[in-house]
Amino acid sequence: MTTRRNFIFHVIPVATVALATTRLASAQAPAVKVAETDPAAVGLGYKHDATKVDAKKYPAYVAGHNCANCQLYMGKAGEPWGACGALGGKQVNAKGWCMVWAKKA
């Protein structure tokens, strides 16, 4: 006969371990670097190298603007790649650029 107490004492530890394992696995998941051919990146005019942006096609581009000095860039200063809020957290090149660039506060 299974009692409620036995059920709780067996299920709770198993659920806790499963949850901790899931969080650990997601924390260690490798970061995905966005490709310039990614549909979202194409839609934003993303380039890995800001100096190669076609200024005629993207008149919002200004020399010196890059992902590292954009408000949406979530990488640490000096890191070559960092997550981008505009691209769903995918990794972008710090030297890159896209048309949603916003001055970092």
PDB file of N, CA and C in Angstrom:
ATOM      1  N   MET A   1       0.831  -1.164   0.000  1.00  0.00           N
ATOM      2  CA  MET A   1       0.000   0.000   0.000  1.00  0.00           C
ATOM      3  C   MET A   1       0.891   1.248   0.000  1.00  0.00           C
ATOM      4  N   THR A   2       0.650   2.137  -0.929  1.00  0.00           N
ATOM      5  CA  THR A   2       1.417   3.370  -1.028  1.00  0.00           C
ATOM      6  C   THR A   2       0.653   4.489  -0.357  1.00  0.00           C
ATOM      7  N   THR A   3       1.343   5.172   0.514  1.00  0.00           N
ATOM      8  CA  THR A   3       0.712   6.296   1.186  1.00  0.00           C
ATOM      9  C   THR A   3       1.140   7.592   0.517  1.00  0.00           C
ATOM     10  N   ARG A   4       0.419   8.617   0.802  1.00  0.00           N
ATOM     11  CA  ARG A   4       0.742   9.940   0.249  1.00  0.00           C
ATOM     12  C   ARG A   4       2.141  10.368   0.692  1.00  0.00           C
ATOM     13  N   ARG A   5       2.484  10.081   1.933  1.00  0.00           N
ATOM     14  CA  ARG A   5       3.792  10.465   2.461  1.00  0.00           C
ATOM     15  C   ARG A   5       4.911   9.750   1.701  1.00  0.00           C
ATOM     16  N   ASN A   6       4.761   8.471   1.455  1.00  0.00           N
ATOM     17  CA  ASN A   6       5.772   7.723   0.694  1.00  0.00           C
ATOM     18  C   ASN A   6       5.889   8.274  -0.726  1.00  0.00           C
ATOM     19  N   PHE A   7       4.763   8.582  -1.294  1.00  0.00           N
ATOM     20  CA  PHE A   7       4.762   9.149  -2.649  1.00  0.00           C
ATOM     21  C   PHE A   7       5.559  10.452  -2.684  1.00  0.00           C
ATOM     22  N   ILE A   8       5.303  11.345  -1.743  1.00  0.00           N
ATOM     23  CA  ILE A   8       5.998  12.637  -1.692  1.00  0.00           C
ATOM     24  C   ILE A   8       7.492  12.435  -1.454  1.00  0.00           C
ATOM     25  N   PHE A   9       7.861  11.556  -0.558  1.00  0.00           N
ATOM     26  CA  PHE A   9       9.267  11.319  -0.260  1.00  0.00           C
ATOM     27  C   PHE A   9      10.021  10.706  -1.437  1.00  0.00           C
ATOM     28  N   HIS A  10       9.320  10.073  -2.358  1.00  0.00           N
ATOM     29  CA  HIS A  10       9.979   9.479  -3.521  1.00  0.00           C
ATOM     30  C   HIS A  10       9.943  10.396  -4.747  1.00  0.00           C
ATOM     31  N   VAL A  11       8.871  11.107  -4.944  1.00  0.00           N
ATOM     32  CA  VAL A  11       8.708  11.926  -6.151  1.00  0.00           C
ATOM     33  C   VAL A  11       9.471  13.245  -6.059  1.00  0.00           C
ATOM     34  N   ILE A  12       9.411  13.922  -4.946  1.00  0.00           N
ATOM     35  CA  ILE A  12      10.044  15.236  -4.804  1.00  0.00           C
ATOM     36  C   ILE A  12      11.554  15.178  -5.071  1.00  0.00           C
ATOM     37  N   PRO A  13      12.309  14.245  -4.474  1.00  0.00           N
ATOM     38  CA  PRO A  13      13.753  14.211  -4.762  1.00  0.00           C
ATOM     39  C   PRO A  13      14.043  13.906  -6.238  1.00  0.00           C
ATOM     40  N   VAL A  14      13.270  13.039  -6.843  1.00  0.00           N
ATOM     41  CA  VAL A  14      13.468  12.707  -8.257  1.00  0.00           C
ATOM     42  C   VAL A  14      13.183  13.920  -9.127  1.00  0.00           C
ATOM     43  N   ALA A  15      12.116  14.636  -8.831  1.00  0.00           N
ATOM     44  CA  ALA A  15      11.773  15.835  -9.600  1.00  0.00           C
ATOM     45  C   ALA A  15      12.836  16.913  -9.421  1.00  0.00           C
ATOM     46  N   THR A  16      13.369  17.051  -8.216  1.00  0.00           N
ATOM     47  CA  THR A  16      14.407  18.044  -7.953  1.00  0.00           C
ATOM     48  C   THR A  16      15.672  17.732  -8.736  1.00  0.00           C
ATOM     49  N   VAL A  17      16.081  16.486  -8.757  1.00  0.00           N
ATOM     50  CA  VAL A  17      17.260  16.089  -9.523  1.00  0.00           C
ATOM     51  C   VAL A  17      17.028  16.301 -11.014  1.00  0.00           C
ATOM     52  N   ALA A  18      15.861  15.970 -11.507  1.00  0.00           N
ATOM     53  CA  ALA A  18      15.555  16.156 -12.928  1.00  0.00           C
ATOM     54  C   ALA A  18      15.603  17.632 -13.301  1.00  0.00           C
ATOM     55  N   LEU A  19      15.042  18.488 -12.470  1.00  0.00           N
ATOM     56  CA  LEU A  19      15.052  19.921 -12.732  1.00  0.00           C
ATOM     57  C   LEU A  19      16.471  20.478 -12.709  1.00  0.00           C
ATOM     58  N   ALA A  20      17.263  20.069 -11.734  1.00  0.00           N
ATOM     59  CA  ALA A  20      18.649  20.538 -11.636  1.00  0.00           C
ATOM     60  C   ALA A  20      19.464  20.078 -12.840  1.00  0.00           C
ATOM     61  N   THR A  21      19.251  18.857 -13.291  1.00  0.00           N
ATOM     62  CA  THR A  21      19.961  18.334 -14.454  1.00  0.00           C
ATOM     63  C   THR A  21      19.587  19.107 -15.706  1.00  0.00           C
ATOM     64  N   THR A  22      18.314  19.433 -15.866  1.00  0.00           N
ATOM     65  CA  THR A  22      17.860  20.198 -17.023  1.00  0.00           C
ATOM     66  C   THR A  22      18.483  21.586 -17.034  1.00  0.00           C
ATOM     67  N   ARG A  23      18.505  22.250 -15.898  1.00  0.00           N
ATOM     68  CA  ARG A  23      19.097  23.592 -15.808  1.00  0.00           C
ATOM     69  C   ARG A  23      20.585  23.549 -16.088  1.00  0.00           C
ATOM     70  N   LEU A  24      21.281  22.542 -15.578  1.00  0.00           N
ATOM     71  CA  LEU A  24      22.709  22.411 -15.802  1.00  0.00           C
ATOM     72  C   LEU A  24      22.995  22.178 -17.279  1.00  0.00           C
ATOM     73  N   ALA A  25      22.198  21.333 -17.915  1.00  0.00           N
ATOM     74  CA  ALA A  25      22.395  21.060 -19.344  1.00  0.00           C
ATOM     75  C   ALA A  25      22.152  22.300 -20.182  1.00  0.00           C
ATOM     76  N   SER A  26      21.134  23.081 -19.854  1.00  0.00           N
ATOM     77  CA  SER A  26      20.859  24.277 -20.636  1.00  0.00           C
ATOM     78  C   SER A  26      21.907  25.351 -20.379  1.00  0.00           C
ATOM     79  N   ALA A  27      22.471  25.405 -19.184  1.00  0.00           N
ATOM     80  CA  ALA A  27      23.508  26.389 -18.885  1.00  0.00           C
ATOM     81  C   ALA A  27      24.799  26.068 -19.616  1.00  0.00           C
ATOM     82  N   GLN A  28      25.024  24.798 -19.917  1.00  0.00           N
ATOM     83  CA  GLN A  28      26.249  24.395 -20.584  1.00  0.00           C
ATOM     84  C   GLN A  28      26.073  24.253 -22.092  1.00  0.00           C
ATOM     85  N   ALA A  29      24.894  24.565 -22.598  1.00  0.00           N
ATOM     86  CA  ALA A  29      24.662  24.455 -24.030  1.00  0.00           C
ATOM     87  C   ALA A  29      25.575  25.429 -24.773  1.00  0.00           C
ATOM     88  N   PRO A  30      26.207  24.960 -25.843  1.00  0.00           N
ATOM     89  CA  PRO A  30      27.106  25.844 -26.566  1.00  0.00           C
ATOM     90  C   PRO A  30      26.354  26.994 -27.225  1.00  0.00           C
ATOM     91  N   ALA A  31      26.964  28.152 -27.206  1.00  0.00           N
ATOM     92  CA  ALA A  31      26.359  29.333 -27.817  1.00  0.00           C
ATOM     93  C   ALA A  31      26.350  29.169 -29.339  1.00  0.00           C
ATOM     94  N   VAL A  32      25.274  29.593 -29.949  1.00  0.00           N
ATOM     95  CA  VAL A  32      25.134  29.479 -31.401  1.00  0.00           C
ATOM     96  C   VAL A  32      25.519  30.809 -32.035  1.00  0.00           C
ATOM     97  N   LYS A  33      26.521  30.764 -32.889  1.00  0.00           N
ATOM     98  CA  LYS A  33      26.924  31.966 -33.614  1.00  0.00           C
ATOM     99  C   LYS A  33      26.002  32.122 -34.814  1.00  0.00           C
ATOM    100  N   VAL A  34      25.460  33.322 -34.967  1.00  0.00           N
ATOM    101  CA  VAL A  34      24.537  33.574 -36.058  1.00  0.00           C
ATOM    102  C   VAL A  34      25.317  33.641 -37.377  1.00  0.00           C
ATOM    103  N   ALA A  35      24.737  33.084 -38.412  1.00  0.00           N
ATOM    104  CA  ALA A  35      25.326  33.162 -39.746  1.00  0.00           C
ATOM    105  C   ALA A  35      24.735  34.362 -40.467  1.00  0.00           C
ATOM    106  N   GLU A  36      25.512  34.972 -41.345  1.00  0.00           N
ATOM    107  CA  GLU A  36      25.006  36.111 -42.112  1.00  0.00           C
ATOM    108  C   GLU A  36      23.840  35.699 -43.004  1.00  0.00           C
ATOM    109  N   THR A  37      23.727  34.403 -43.277  1.00  0.00           N
ATOM    110  CA  THR A  37      22.649  33.888 -44.129  1.00  0.00           C
ATOM    111  C   THR A  37      21.403  33.506 -43.338  1.00  0.00           C
ATOM    112  N   ASP A  38      21.459  33.586 -42.014  1.00  0.00           N
ATOM    113  CA  ASP A  38      20.303  33.305 -41.173  1.00  0.00           C
ATOM    114  C   ASP A  38      19.186  34.270 -41.574  1.00  0.00           C
ATOM    115  N   PRO A  39      17.956  33.793 -41.741  1.00  0.00           N
ATOM    116  CA  PRO A  39      16.866  34.677 -42.176  1.00  0.00           C
ATOM    117  C   PRO A  39      16.688  35.922 -41.305  1.00  0.00           C
ATOM    118  N   ALA A  40      16.826  35.779 -39.997  1.00  0.00           N
ATOM    119  CA  ALA A  40      16.696  36.942 -39.114  1.00  0.00           C
ATOM    120  C   ALA A  40      17.851  37.918 -39.337  1.00  0.00           C
ATOM    121  N   ALA A  41      19.047  37.387 -39.531  1.00  0.00           N
ATOM    122  CA  ALA A  41      20.213  38.231 -39.769  1.00  0.00           C
ATOM    123  C   ALA A  41      20.092  38.960 -41.105  1.00  0.00           C
ATOM    124  N   VAL A  42      19.604  38.264 -42.109  1.00  0.00           N
ATOM    125  CA  VAL A  42      19.402  38.888 -43.417  1.00  0.00           C
ATOM    126  C   VAL A  42      18.384  40.017 -43.305  1.00  0.00           C
ATOM    127  N   GLY A  43      17.312  39.778 -42.572  1.00  0.00           N
ATOM    128  CA  GLY A  43      16.277  40.785 -42.393  1.00  0.00           C
ATOM    129  C   GLY A  43      16.773  42.041 -41.688  1.00  0.00           C
ATOM    130  N   LEU A  44      17.794  41.873 -40.840  1.00  0.00           N
ATOM    131  CA  LEU A  44      18.358  43.015 -40.112  1.00  0.00           C
ATOM    132  C   LEU A  44      19.600  43.589 -40.788  1.00  0.00           C
ATOM    133  N   GLY A  45      20.000  42.992 -41.902  1.00  0.00           N
ATOM    134  CA  GLY A  45      21.192  43.472 -42.604  1.00  0.00           C
ATOM    135  C   GLY A  45      22.471  43.207 -41.823  1.00  0.00           C
ATOM    136  N   TYR A  46      22.483  42.163 -41.001  1.00  0.00           N
ATOM    137  CA  TYR A  46      23.639  41.850 -40.161  1.00  0.00           C
ATOM    138  C   TYR A  46      24.843  41.439 -40.990  1.00  0.00           C
ATOM    139  N   LYS A  47      25.996  41.983 -40.623  1.00  0.00           N
ATOM    140  CA  LYS A  47      27.284  41.600 -41.202  1.00  0.00           C
ATOM    141  C   LYS A  47      28.246  41.359 -40.052  1.00  0.00           C
ATOM    142  N   HIS A  48      29.099  40.331 -40.195  1.00  0.00           N
ATOM    143  CA  HIS A  48      30.096  40.027 -39.167  1.00  0.00           C
ATOM    144  C   HIS A  48      31.130  41.144 -39.053  1.00  0.00           C
ATOM    145  N   ASP A  49      31.387  41.850 -40.140  1.00  0.00           N
ATOM    146  CA  ASP A  49      32.380  42.919 -40.156  1.00  0.00           C
ATOM    147  C   ASP A  49      31.695  44.211 -40.588  1.00  0.00           C
ATOM    148  N   ALA A  50      31.576  45.153 -39.671  1.00  0.00           N
ATOM    149  CA  ALA A  50      30.862  46.400 -39.943  1.00  0.00           C
ATOM    150  C   ALA A  50      31.484  47.192 -41.080  1.00  0.00           C
ATOM    151  N   THR A  51      32.776  47.028 -41.304  1.00  0.00           N
ATOM    152  CA  THR A  51      33.428  47.784 -42.378  1.00  0.00           C
ATOM    153  C   THR A  51      32.998  47.305 -43.761  1.00  0.00           C
ATOM    154  N   LYS A  52      32.317  46.164 -43.828  1.00  0.00           N
ATOM    155  CA  LYS A  52      31.869  45.619 -45.113  1.00  0.00           C
ATOM    156  C   LYS A  52      30.388  45.880 -45.381  1.00  0.00           C
ATOM    157  N   VAL A  53      29.768  46.721 -44.552  1.00  0.00           N
ATOM    158  CA  VAL A  53      28.358  47.057 -44.736  1.00  0.00           C
ATOM    159  C   VAL A  53      28.230  47.993 -45.933  1.00  0.00           C
ATOM    160  N   ASP A  54      27.255  47.719 -46.788  1.00  0.00           N
ATOM    161  CA  ASP A  54      26.984  48.566 -47.953  1.00  0.00           C
ATOM    162  C   ASP A  54      26.206  49.795 -47.475  1.00  0.00           C
ATOM    163  N   ALA A  55      26.900  50.934 -47.377  1.00  0.00           N
ATOM    164  CA  ALA A  55      26.290  52.160 -46.857  1.00  0.00           C
ATOM    165  C   ALA A  55      25.171  52.679 -47.757  1.00  0.00           C
ATOM    166  N   LYS A  56      25.205  52.334 -49.034  1.00  0.00           N
ATOM    167  CA  LYS A  56      24.130  52.755 -49.946  1.00  0.00           C
ATOM    168  C   LYS A  56      22.870  51.955 -49.659  1.00  0.00           C
ATOM    169  N   LYS A  57      23.042  50.682 -49.395  1.00  0.00           N
ATOM    170  CA  LYS A  57      21.896  49.811 -49.109  1.00  0.00           C
ATOM    171  C   LYS A  57      21.354  50.067 -47.702  1.00  0.00           C
ATOM    172  N   TYR A  58      22.251  50.400 -46.768  1.00  0.00           N
ATOM    173  CA  TYR A  58      21.869  50.645 -45.379  1.00  0.00           C
ATOM    174  C   TYR A  58      22.330  52.045 -44.968  1.00  0.00           C
ATOM    175  N   PRO A  59      21.554  53.062 -45.309  1.00  0.00           N
ATOM    176  CA  PRO A  59      21.962  54.440 -45.005  1.00  0.00           C
ATOM    177  C   PRO A  59      22.055  54.736 -43.503  1.00  0.00           C
ATOM    178  N   ALA A  60      21.499  53.887 -42.656  1.00  0.00           N
ATOM    179  CA  ALA A  60      21.597  54.088 -41.206  1.00  0.00           C
ATOM    180  C   ALA A  60      22.992  53.752 -40.688  1.00  0.00           C
ATOM    181  N   TYR A  61      23.792  53.062 -41.502  1.00  0.00           N
ATOM    182  CA  TYR A  61      25.147  52.691 -41.066  1.00  0.00           C
ATOM    183  C   TYR A  61      26.032  53.924 -40.953  1.00  0.00           C
ATOM    184  N   VAL A  62      26.757  53.996 -39.852  1.00  0.00           N
ATOM    185  CA  VAL A  62      27.735  55.057 -39.622  1.00  0.00           C
ATOM    186  C   VAL A  62      29.030  54.374 -39.208  1.00  0.00           C
ATOM    187  N   ALA A  63      30.136  54.764 -39.810  1.00  0.00           N
ATOM    188  CA  ALA A  63      31.424  54.190 -39.452  1.00  0.00           C
ATOM    189  C   ALA A  63      31.645  54.338 -37.948  1.00  0.00           C
ATOM    190  N   GLY A  64      32.140  53.291 -37.338  1.00  0.00           N
ATOM    191  CA  GLY A  64      32.360  53.290 -35.889  1.00  0.00           C
ATOM    192  C   GLY A  64      31.251  52.613 -35.107  1.00  0.00           C
ATOM    193  N   HIS A  65      30.082  52.477 -35.711  1.00  0.00           N
ATOM    194  CA  HIS A  65      28.999  51.745 -35.049  1.00  0.00           C
ATOM    195  C   HIS A  65      29.250  50.258 -35.266  1.00  0.00           C
ATOM    196  N   ASN A  66      29.230  49.495 -34.183  1.00  0.00           N
ATOM    197  CA  ASN A  66      29.371  48.043 -34.288  1.00  0.00           C
ATOM    198  C   ASN A  66      28.650  47.387 -33.120  1.00  0.00           C
ATOM    199  N   CYS A  67      28.575  46.097 -33.150  1.00  0.00           N
ATOM    200  CA  CYS A  67      27.822  45.374 -32.119  1.00  0.00           C
ATOM    201  C   CYS A  67      28.369  45.635 -30.713  1.00  0.00           C
ATOM    202  N   ALA A  68      29.678  45.756 -30.576  1.00  0.00           N
ATOM    203  CA  ALA A  68      30.269  45.955 -29.258  1.00  0.00           C
ATOM    204  C   ALA A  68      29.787  47.239 -28.591  1.00  0.00           C
ATOM    205  N   ASN A  69      29.427  48.263 -29.379  1.00  0.00           N
ATOM    206  CA  ASN A  69      28.948  49.502 -28.760  1.00  0.00           C
ATOM    207  C   ASN A  69      27.444  49.707 -28.969  1.00  0.00           C
ATOM    208  N   CYS A  70      26.738  48.593 -29.156  1.00  0.00           N
ATOM    209  CA  CYS A  70      25.281  48.609 -29.322  1.00  0.00           C
ATOM    210  C   CYS A  70      24.607  48.217 -28.005  1.00  0.00           C
ATOM    211  N   GLN A  71      23.496  48.825 -27.734  1.00  0.00           N
ATOM    212  CA  GLN A  71      22.734  48.550 -26.513  1.00  0.00           C
ATOM    213  C   GLN A  71      22.228  47.108 -26.463  1.00  0.00           C
ATOM    214  N   LEU A  72      21.994  46.488 -27.599  1.00  0.00           N
ATOM    215  CA  LEU A  72      21.443  45.135 -27.640  1.00  0.00           C
ATOM    216  C   LEU A  72      22.498  44.044 -27.469  1.00  0.00           C
ATOM    217  N   TYR A  73      23.763  44.428 -27.524  1.00  0.00           N
ATOM    218  CA  TYR A  73      24.876  43.475 -27.394  1.00  0.00           C
ATOM    219  C   TYR A  73      25.035  43.091 -25.935  1.00  0.00           C
ATOM    220  N   MET A  74      24.988  41.793 -25.631  1.00  0.00           N
ATOM    221  CA  MET A  74      25.050  41.319 -24.254  1.00  0.00           C
ATOM    222  C   MET A  74      26.381  40.678 -23.897  1.00  0.00           C
ATOM    223  N   GLY A  75      27.369  40.804 -24.781  1.00  0.00           N
ATOM    224  CA  GLY A  75      28.692  40.257 -24.486  1.00  0.00           C
ATOM    225  C   GLY A  75      29.461  41.173 -23.564  1.00  0.00           C
ATOM    226  N   LYS A  76      30.477  40.637 -22.941  1.00  0.00           N
ATOM    227  CA  LYS A  76      31.326  41.437 -22.062  1.00  0.00           C
ATOM    228  C   LYS A  76      32.315  42.232 -22.910  1.00  0.00           C
ATOM    229  N   ALA A  77      32.749  43.354 -22.375  1.00  0.00           N
ATOM    230  CA  ALA A  77      33.714  44.194 -23.080  1.00  0.00           C
ATOM    231  C   ALA A  77      34.975  43.389 -23.389  1.00  0.00           C
ATOM    232  N   GLY A  78      35.426  43.492 -24.620  1.00  0.00           N
ATOM    233  CA  GLY A  78      36.636  42.794 -25.039  1.00  0.00           C
ATOM    234  C   GLY A  78      36.405  41.397 -25.590  1.00  0.00           C
ATOM    235  N   GLU A  79      35.222  40.841 -25.414  1.00  0.00           N
ATOM    236  CA  GLU A  79      34.947  39.510 -25.961  1.00  0.00           C
ATOM    237  C   GLU A  79      34.674  39.624 -27.449  1.00  0.00           C
ATOM    238  N   PRO A  80      35.182  38.698 -28.257  1.00  0.00           N
ATOM    239  CA  PRO A  80      34.975  38.790 -29.699  1.00  0.00           C
ATOM    240  C   PRO A  80      33.550  38.467 -30.145  1.00  0.00           C
ATOM    241  N   TRP A  81      32.805  37.692 -29.369  1.00  0.00           N
ATOM    242  CA  TRP A  81      31.419  37.321 -29.690  1.00  0.00           C
ATOM    243  C   TRP A  81      30.565  37.513 -28.444  1.00  0.00           C
ATOM    244  N   GLY A  82      29.304  37.855 -28.660  1.00  0.00           N
ATOM    245  CA  GLY A  82      28.379  38.010 -27.549  1.00  0.00           C
ATOM    246  C   GLY A  82      26.953  37.847 -28.021  1.00  0.00           C
ATOM    247  N   ALA A  83      26.064  37.566 -27.104  1.00  0.00           N
ATOM    248  CA  ALA A  83      24.650  37.381 -27.434  1.00  0.00           C
ATOM    249  C   ALA A  83      24.027  38.710 -27.862  1.00  0.00           C
ATOM    250  N   CYS A  84      23.036  38.624 -28.739  1.00  0.00           N
ATOM    251  CA  CYS A  84      22.349  39.818 -29.236  1.00  0.00           C
ATOM    252  C   CYS A  84      20.854  39.684 -28.977  1.00  0.00           C
ATOM    253  N   GLY A  85      20.281  40.725 -28.372  1.00  0.00           N
ATOM    254  CA  GLY A  85      18.854  40.730 -28.086  1.00  0.00           C
ATOM    255  C   GLY A  85      17.995  40.758 -29.334  1.00  0.00           C
ATOM    256  N   ALA A  86      18.486  41.360 -30.404  1.00  0.00           N
ATOM    257  CA  ALA A  86      17.714  41.456 -31.641  1.00  0.00           C
ATOM    258  C   ALA A  86      17.665  40.132 -32.389  1.00  0.00           C
ATOM    259  N   LEU A  87      18.617  39.261 -32.132  1.00  0.00           N
ATOM    260  CA  LEU A  87      18.681  37.984 -32.841  1.00  0.00           C
ATOM    261  C   LEU A  87      18.405  36.807 -31.916  1.00  0.00           C
ATOM    262  N   GLY A  88      17.572  37.028 -30.943  1.00  0.00           N
ATOM    263  CA  GLY A  88      17.136  35.937 -30.077  1.00  0.00           C
ATOM    264  C   GLY A  88      18.227  35.345 -29.214  1.00  0.00           C
ATOM    265  N   GLY A  89      19.231  36.126 -28.871  1.00  0.00           N
ATOM    266  CA  GLY A  89      20.295  35.633 -28.011  1.00  0.00           C
ATOM    267  C   GLY A  89      21.399  34.900 -28.735  1.00  0.00           C
ATOM    268  N   LYS A  90      21.310  34.799 -30.051  1.00  0.00           N
ATOM    269  CA  LYS A  90      22.393  34.160 -30.803  1.00  0.00           C
ATOM    270  C   LYS A  90      23.633  35.044 -30.710  1.00  0.00           C
ATOM    271  N   GLN A  91      24.787  34.427 -30.863  1.00  0.00           N
ATOM    272  CA  GLN A  91      26.058  35.133 -30.769  1.00  0.00           C
ATOM    273  C   GLN A  91      26.333  35.931 -32.039  1.00  0.00           C
ATOM    274  N   VAL A  92      26.763  37.185 -31.856  1.00  0.00           N
ATOM    275  CA  VAL A  92      27.153  38.038 -32.973  1.00  0.00           C
ATOM    276  C   VAL A  92      28.594  38.482 -32.760  1.00  0.00           C
ATOM    277  N   ASN A  93      29.247  38.834 -33.837  1.00  0.00           N
ATOM    278  CA  ASN A  93      30.613  39.311 -33.764  1.00  0.00           C
ATOM    279  C   ASN A  93      30.616  40.723 -33.184  1.00  0.00           C
ATOM    280  N   ALA A  94      31.509  40.994 -32.250  1.00  0.00           N
ATOM    281  CA  ALA A  94      31.597  42.325 -31.646  1.00  0.00           C
ATOM    282  C   ALA A  94      31.899  43.386 -32.699  1.00  0.00           C
ATOM    283  N   LYS A  95      32.545  42.981 -33.790  1.00  0.00           N
ATOM    284  CA  LYS A  95      32.882  43.912 -34.868  1.00  0.00           C
ATOM    285  C   LYS A  95      31.776  43.993 -35.918  1.00  0.00           C
ATOM    286  N   GLY A  96      30.670  43.293 -35.677  1.00  0.00           N
ATOM    287  CA  GLY A  96      29.559  43.253 -36.621  1.00  0.00           C
ATOM    288  C   GLY A  96      28.657  44.476 -36.531  1.00  0.00           C
ATOM    289  N   TRP A  97      27.610  44.459 -37.351  1.00  0.00           N
ATOM    290  CA  TRP A  97      26.641  45.562 -37.371  1.00  0.00           C
ATOM    291  C   TRP A  97      25.329  45.060 -37.966  1.00  0.00           C
ATOM    292  N   CYS A  98      24.220  45.659 -37.527  1.00  0.00           N
ATOM    293  CA  CYS A  98      22.923  45.459 -38.164  1.00  0.00           C
ATOM    294  C   CYS A  98      22.137  46.748 -38.052  1.00  0.00           C
ATOM    295  N   MET A  99      21.023  46.840 -38.764  1.00  0.00           N
ATOM    296  CA  MET A  99      20.307  48.108 -38.846  1.00  0.00           C
ATOM    297  C   MET A  99      19.492  48.457 -37.601  1.00  0.00           C
ATOM    298  N   VAL A 100      19.470  47.633 -36.575  1.00  0.00           N
ATOM    299  CA  VAL A 100      18.791  48.023 -35.340  1.00  0.00           C
ATOM    300  C   VAL A 100      19.785  48.504 -34.285  1.00  0.00           C
ATOM    301  N   TRP A 101      20.980  48.850 -34.726  1.00  0.00           N
ATOM    302  CA  TRP A 101      22.006  49.342 -33.816  1.00  0.00           C
ATOM    303  C   TRP A 101      21.465  50.514 -33.006  1.00  0.00           C
ATOM    304  N   ALA A 102      21.702  50.484 -31.704  1.00  0.00           N
ATOM    305  CA  ALA A 102      21.289  51.569 -30.801  1.00  0.00           C
ATOM    306  C   ALA A 102      22.442  51.871 -29.860  1.00  0.00           C
ATOM    307  N   LYS A 103      22.744  53.142 -29.675  1.00  0.00           N
ATOM    308  CA  LYS A 103      23.874  53.556 -28.863  1.00  0.00           C
ATOM    309  C   LYS A 103      23.759  53.002 -27.450  1.00  0.00           C
ATOM    310  N   LYS A 104      24.835  52.384 -26.980  1.00  0.00           N
ATOM    311  CA  LYS A 104      24.874  51.835 -25.630  1.00  0.00           C
ATOM    312  C   LYS A 104      24.856  52.979 -24.628  1.00  0.00           C
ATOM    313  N   ALA A 105      24.017  52.849 -23.645  1.00  0.00           N
ATOM    314  CA  ALA A 105      23.880  53.923 -22.638  1.00  0.00           C
ATOM    315  C   ALA A 105      25.063  54.009 -21.719  1.00  0.00           C
TER     316      ALA A 105
END
